[in-house]
Amino acid sequence: MSDCIDIDLVANAGVLVRGGGLGLLVDGMHDQDGHPFSRVGADDMARMGRGEGLFARLDYLLFTHEHPDHFTPDLVIEHLERRPVKGVFLPAPAKDPEGRDRLVRALEERGVPHWTMGPEPGHTRTVSPEPGLAVTAIGTRHMGKQFRDVRNDCLLVSLAGMHLLFTGDADHVPEYYEEALRGVDLDAVFVNPIFYHNPTGQAIIDDVFRPLEVVIYHMPAPGKDPFHLAFTVKRALERYARPDMPVHVLDAAAPHVNICPAVL
């Protein structure tokens, strides 16, 4: 039987995944302004660099897309100067390539394995960097008409015999996921509040993802919720919650969730 996997909120959609003797950080290095979501704090970045507390294992860095509330390339470079990693999974290039180019050069100079994922919507790319770990990028587009030109990798992390899907800001389009997830039994899927609230998003969760558990992440910080996402999630939970599919809200009030294998 596989061990459980620990998930800890870092900031926004940034989460630390610990299981199988590995630590994976998803969308967890960003400190830019210009958006209403939480930035990764300097204290947490310092703990990452020193390998303290939750960050004792920090083996792989994964990013769903290049928006500033998910990914700051220069922050990753600063981390590499303090502490090595086993590999970095990069999303599709964005319009402004300078920061990304600096990061790629830093990775190459240090001999750090790195993979540009970014498959076309509905397509996949899988990398298995070591036994017990595989990462599959499922190509999607970012939700919202203003972001239609932004590609977003849904990241299927297969770790220690379990399957976790991190959707980032992927749009709720069934065709993105149907073939990519055919035959995959998801232990947990991580979706943002808009995806969970949307009826089409709910249909995808029920009919395509079919996870054992759902985690809602990308939640605003207390007192900083201009889009009223906390209220949106509350109403959605009242409408859609199912006793056979537990739903966790990963936020400042409940920053940890433990995902365990199904008991047959």
Protein backbone atom coordinates (compact mmCIF):
# COMPACT_ATOMS: atom_id res chain seq x y z
CA MET A 1 0.00 0.00 0.00
CA SER A 2 1.30 3.46 -0.89
CA ASP A 3 1.97 6.04 1.77
CA CYS A 4 -0.11 9.19 2.04
CA ILE A 5 0.96 12.43 0.38
CA ASP A 6 1.15 15.72 2.29
CA ILE A 7 0.07 18.94 0.58
CA ASP A 8 0.92 22.30 2.15
CA LEU A 9 -0.14 25.73 0.94
CA VAL A 10 2.74 28.12 0.23
CA ALA A 11 0.87 31.03 -1.37
CA ASN A 12 -1.98 31.41 -3.83
CA ALA A 13 -1.81 28.28 -6.06
CA GLY A 14 1.66 27.45 -4.78
CA VAL A 15 1.73 24.12 -2.97
CA LEU A 16 4.41 21.82 -1.59
CA VAL A 17 3.84 18.14 -2.33
CA ARG A 18 5.66 15.64 -0.09
CA GLY A 19 5.57 11.92 -0.67
CA GLY A 20 7.67 8.97 -1.73
CA GLY A 21 10.73 10.56 -0.16
CA LEU A 22 10.49 13.59 -2.47
CA GLY A 23 9.42 17.22 -2.24
CA LEU A 24 7.80 18.92 -5.24
CA LEU A 25 6.92 22.61 -5.34
CA VAL A 26 4.11 23.51 -7.75
CA ASP A 27 3.67 27.20 -8.71
CA GLY A 28 5.42 28.13 -5.49
CA MET A 29 8.04 30.77 -6.38
CA HIS A 30 6.52 34.15 -7.20
CA ASP A 31 6.83 37.58 -5.62
CA GLN A 32 5.63 40.04 -8.26
CA ASP A 33 2.98 42.73 -7.79
CA GLY A 34 0.24 43.69 -10.22
CA HIS A 35 -2.36 41.15 -9.09
CA PRO A 36 -4.62 40.74 -6.04
CA PHE A 37 -3.31 37.33 -4.97
CA SER A 38 -0.78 36.44 -2.28
CA ARG A 39 2.93 36.43 -3.02
CA VAL A 40 5.37 33.90 -1.61
CA GLY A 41 6.82 35.53 1.50
CA ALA A 42 10.50 36.29 1.94
CA ASP A 43 10.57 34.11 5.06
CA ASP A 44 9.33 31.10 3.12
CA MET A 45 11.82 31.75 0.32
CA ALA A 46 14.61 31.87 2.92
CA ARG A 47 13.42 28.58 4.45
CA MET A 48 13.38 27.00 0.99
CA GLY A 49 16.96 28.11 0.44
CA ARG A 50 18.08 26.72 3.80
CA GLY A 51 16.04 23.52 3.60
CA GLU A 52 14.22 24.17 6.85
CA GLY A 53 10.92 22.84 8.16
CA LEU A 54 8.50 21.81 5.43
CA PHE A 55 11.16 22.50 2.84
CA ALA A 56 13.70 19.94 4.07
CA ARG A 57 13.11 18.13 0.76
CA LEU A 58 12.74 20.37 -2.28
CA ASP A 59 13.67 18.23 -5.25
CA TYR A 60 11.61 19.43 -8.20
CA LEU A 61 10.04 22.76 -9.18
CA LEU A 62 6.94 22.71 -11.41
CA PHE A 63 5.03 25.58 -13.00
CA THR A 64 1.67 25.56 -14.79
CA HIS A 65 2.06 28.88 -16.64
CA GLU A 66 4.01 32.12 -16.66
CA HIS A 67 1.62 34.50 -14.92
CA PRO A 68 3.22 36.54 -12.11
CA ASP A 69 1.02 35.00 -9.39
CA HIS A 70 2.43 31.56 -10.27
CA PHE A 71 6.00 31.98 -11.52
CA THR A 72 8.83 34.51 -11.10
CA PRO A 73 11.88 33.25 -13.04
CA ASP A 74 14.39 35.48 -11.22
CA LEU A 75 13.20 34.12 -7.87
CA VAL A 76 13.95 30.60 -9.11
CA ILE A 77 17.45 31.74 -10.12
CA GLU A 78 18.03 33.16 -6.64
CA HIS A 79 16.96 29.86 -5.13
CA LEU A 80 19.35 27.91 -7.36
CA GLU A 81 22.19 30.06 -6.07
CA ARG A 82 21.44 28.85 -2.54
CA ARG A 83 20.40 25.26 -3.04
CA PRO A 84 20.42 22.71 -5.87
CA VAL A 85 17.34 20.94 -7.20
CA LYS A 86 16.93 17.73 -9.17
CA GLY A 87 14.90 19.28 -11.97
CA VAL A 88 12.60 22.07 -13.14
CA PHE A 89 9.43 21.71 -15.23
CA LEU A 90 8.79 24.83 -17.29
CA PRO A 91 5.51 25.81 -18.98
CA ALA A 92 5.07 27.10 -22.53
CA PRO A 93 7.03 30.33 -23.15
CA ALA A 94 5.12 33.57 -22.63
CA LYS A 95 5.32 36.78 -24.63
CA ASP A 96 8.09 38.27 -22.47
CA PRO A 97 10.98 35.80 -22.70
CA GLU A 98 13.76 37.71 -20.91
CA GLY A 99 13.25 36.33 -17.41
CA ARG A 100 12.71 32.84 -18.73
CA ASP A 101 15.87 33.03 -20.86
CA ARG A 102 17.87 34.06 -17.80
CA LEU A 103 16.48 31.09 -15.90
CA VAL A 104 17.23 28.61 -18.69
CA ARG A 105 20.82 29.88 -18.87
CA ALA A 106 21.17 29.51 -15.10
CA LEU A 107 19.82 25.95 -15.27
CA GLU A 108 22.19 25.04 -18.10
CA GLU A 109 25.19 26.59 -16.35
CA ARG A 110 24.48 24.49 -13.27
CA GLY A 111 23.66 21.32 -15.20
CA VAL A 112 20.14 21.17 -13.73
CA PRO A 113 17.77 18.96 -15.76
CA HIS A 114 14.86 20.99 -17.07
CA TRP A 115 11.95 20.27 -19.36
CA THR A 116 9.77 22.67 -21.31
CA MET A 117 6.34 21.11 -21.27
CA GLY A 118 3.61 23.27 -22.87
CA PRO A 119 1.88 20.77 -25.18
CA GLU A 120 -0.89 21.97 -27.46
CA PRO A 121 -4.36 22.01 -25.88
CA GLY A 122 -5.65 18.47 -25.49
CA HIS A 123 -2.20 16.95 -26.03
CA THR A 124 0.21 15.60 -23.42
CA ARG A 125 3.88 15.25 -22.65
CA THR A 126 5.22 12.94 -19.93
CA VAL A 127 8.61 13.05 -18.22
CA SER A 128 9.73 10.41 -15.70
CA PRO A 129 12.84 11.87 -14.07
CA GLU A 130 13.32 9.03 -11.57
CA PRO A 131 11.64 5.83 -10.35
CA GLY A 132 8.38 6.50 -8.55
CA LEU A 133 7.78 9.90 -10.19
CA ALA A 134 6.20 10.89 -13.51
CA VAL A 135 4.90 14.31 -14.53
CA THR A 136 2.43 14.62 -17.40
CA ALA A 137 1.57 18.05 -18.77
CA ILE A 138 -1.92 18.24 -20.26
CA GLY A 139 -2.15 21.19 -22.62
CA THR A 140 -4.96 23.68 -21.96
CA ARG A 141 -5.64 27.38 -22.29
CA HIS A 142 -6.04 29.82 -19.42
CA MET A 143 -9.60 30.59 -18.39
CA GLY A 144 -10.99 34.03 -19.21
CA LYS A 145 -11.36 35.68 -22.62
CA GLN A 146 -8.57 38.16 -21.85
CA PHE A 147 -6.14 35.26 -21.39
CA ARG A 148 -7.09 33.11 -24.37
CA ASP A 149 -3.57 33.35 -25.78
CA VAL A 150 -2.01 32.05 -22.54
CA ARG A 151 -1.25 28.33 -22.43
CA ASN A 152 -1.63 26.54 -19.11
CA ASP A 153 -0.20 23.12 -18.29
CA CYS A 154 -2.39 20.94 -16.12
CA LEU A 155 0.18 18.87 -14.27
CA LEU A 156 -0.61 15.24 -13.55
CA VAL A 157 1.85 14.19 -10.85
CA SER A 158 2.17 10.44 -10.44
CA LEU A 159 4.05 9.99 -7.19
CA ALA A 160 4.47 6.89 -5.04
CA GLY A 161 1.64 5.11 -6.82
CA MET A 162 -0.85 7.98 -6.53
CA HIS A 163 -2.14 10.44 -9.14
CA LEU A 164 -2.68 14.12 -8.37
CA LEU A 165 -3.85 16.66 -10.97
CA PHE A 166 -2.98 20.35 -10.53
CA THR A 167 -5.06 22.39 -12.98
CA GLY A 168 -3.63 25.86 -12.27
CA ASP A 169 -5.84 28.31 -14.17
CA ALA A 170 -6.98 25.90 -16.87
CA ASP A 171 -10.26 26.60 -18.60
CA HIS A 172 -13.22 24.26 -18.17
CA VAL A 173 -13.23 22.73 -21.66
CA PRO A 174 -13.94 18.98 -21.60
CA GLU A 175 -11.99 18.28 -24.80
CA TYR A 176 -8.75 19.31 -23.10
CA TYR A 177 -8.99 16.44 -20.64
CA GLU A 178 -11.08 13.60 -22.01
CA GLU A 179 -8.45 11.73 -24.01
CA ALA A 180 -5.53 12.82 -21.83
CA LEU A 181 -7.07 11.31 -18.70
CA ARG A 182 -8.64 8.24 -20.24
CA GLY A 183 -7.86 5.28 -17.98
CA VAL A 184 -6.30 7.45 -15.25
CA ASP A 185 -7.70 7.05 -11.74
CA LEU A 186 -7.18 10.36 -9.97
CA ASP A 187 -6.68 10.33 -6.23
CA ALA A 188 -7.15 14.11 -6.05
CA VAL A 189 -7.69 17.07 -8.36
CA PHE A 190 -6.78 20.65 -7.49
CA VAL A 191 -9.02 23.33 -9.05
CA ASN A 192 -9.43 27.05 -8.56
CA PRO A 193 -12.69 28.57 -7.24
CA ILE A 194 -14.00 29.58 -10.67
CA PHE A 195 -13.51 26.09 -12.10
CA TYR A 196 -15.31 24.52 -9.12
CA HIS A 197 -18.16 27.05 -9.24
CA ASN A 198 -18.79 26.74 -12.99
CA PRO A 199 -21.43 24.14 -14.03
CA THR A 200 -19.22 22.94 -16.90
CA GLY A 201 -16.32 22.68 -14.47
CA GLN A 202 -18.50 20.57 -12.20
CA ALA A 203 -19.43 18.30 -15.10
CA ILE A 204 -15.74 17.81 -15.88
CA ILE A 205 -15.02 16.97 -12.24
CA ASP A 206 -17.88 14.45 -12.15
CA ASP A 207 -17.58 12.88 -15.59
CA VAL A 208 -13.94 13.27 -16.67
CA PHE A 209 -11.74 13.72 -13.59
CA ARG A 210 -13.79 11.46 -11.29
CA PRO A 211 -11.32 11.97 -8.42
CA LEU A 212 -11.53 10.44 -4.99
CA GLU A 213 -11.10 13.93 -3.52
CA VAL A 214 -11.23 17.56 -4.67
CA VAL A 215 -9.05 20.38 -3.36
CA ILE A 216 -9.99 23.99 -4.06
CA TYR A 217 -6.88 26.19 -4.10
CA HIS A 218 -5.82 29.61 -5.46
CA MET A 219 -7.83 31.17 -2.63
CA PRO A 220 -7.38 34.85 -1.66
CA ALA A 221 -5.75 35.98 1.55
CA PRO A 222 -8.07 37.10 4.37
CA GLY A 223 -9.22 40.66 3.81
CA LYS A 224 -7.95 40.69 0.21
CA ASP A 225 -10.73 39.21 -1.86
CA PRO A 226 -11.80 41.72 -4.54
CA PHE A 227 -13.43 38.98 -6.62
CA HIS A 228 -15.41 37.61 -3.63
CA LEU A 229 -13.99 34.14 -4.21
CA ALA A 230 -14.55 33.02 -0.63
CA PHE A 231 -18.28 33.69 -1.01
CA THR A 232 -18.26 32.01 -4.42
CA VAL A 233 -16.71 28.87 -2.93
CA LYS A 234 -19.14 28.84 -0.01
CA ARG A 235 -22.13 28.97 -2.35
CA ALA A 236 -20.62 26.36 -4.68
CA LEU A 237 -20.02 23.97 -1.80
CA GLU A 238 -23.63 24.33 -0.72
CA ARG A 239 -24.77 23.54 -4.24
CA TYR A 240 -22.33 20.85 -5.40
CA ALA A 241 -20.83 19.09 -2.37
CA ARG A 242 -21.19 15.30 -2.51
CA PRO A 243 -20.77 12.89 0.40
CA ASP A 244 -18.90 10.42 -1.83
CA MET A 245 -16.33 12.99 -3.01
CA PRO A 246 -14.72 14.96 -0.16
CA VAL A 247 -13.85 18.58 -0.93
CA HIS A 248 -11.08 20.48 0.88
CA VAL A 249 -10.54 24.23 0.71
CA LEU A 250 -6.82 24.92 0.92
CA ASP A 251 -6.43 28.41 2.37
CA ALA A 252 -4.82 30.32 5.23
CA ALA A 253 -7.31 28.83 7.71
CA ALA A 254 -6.63 25.26 6.55
CA PRO A 255 -3.22 25.21 4.82
CA HIS A 256 -2.62 21.45 4.92
CA VAL A 257 -4.33 18.40 3.43
CA ASN A 258 -3.35 14.75 3.55
CA ILE A 259 -4.21 12.64 0.47
CA CYS A 260 -4.21 8.89 1.13
CA PRO A 261 -4.67 5.90 -1.20
CA ALA A 262 -8.09 4.39 -1.62
CA VAL A 263 -8.89 1.54 0.73
CA LEU A 264 -10.29 -1.32 -1.32
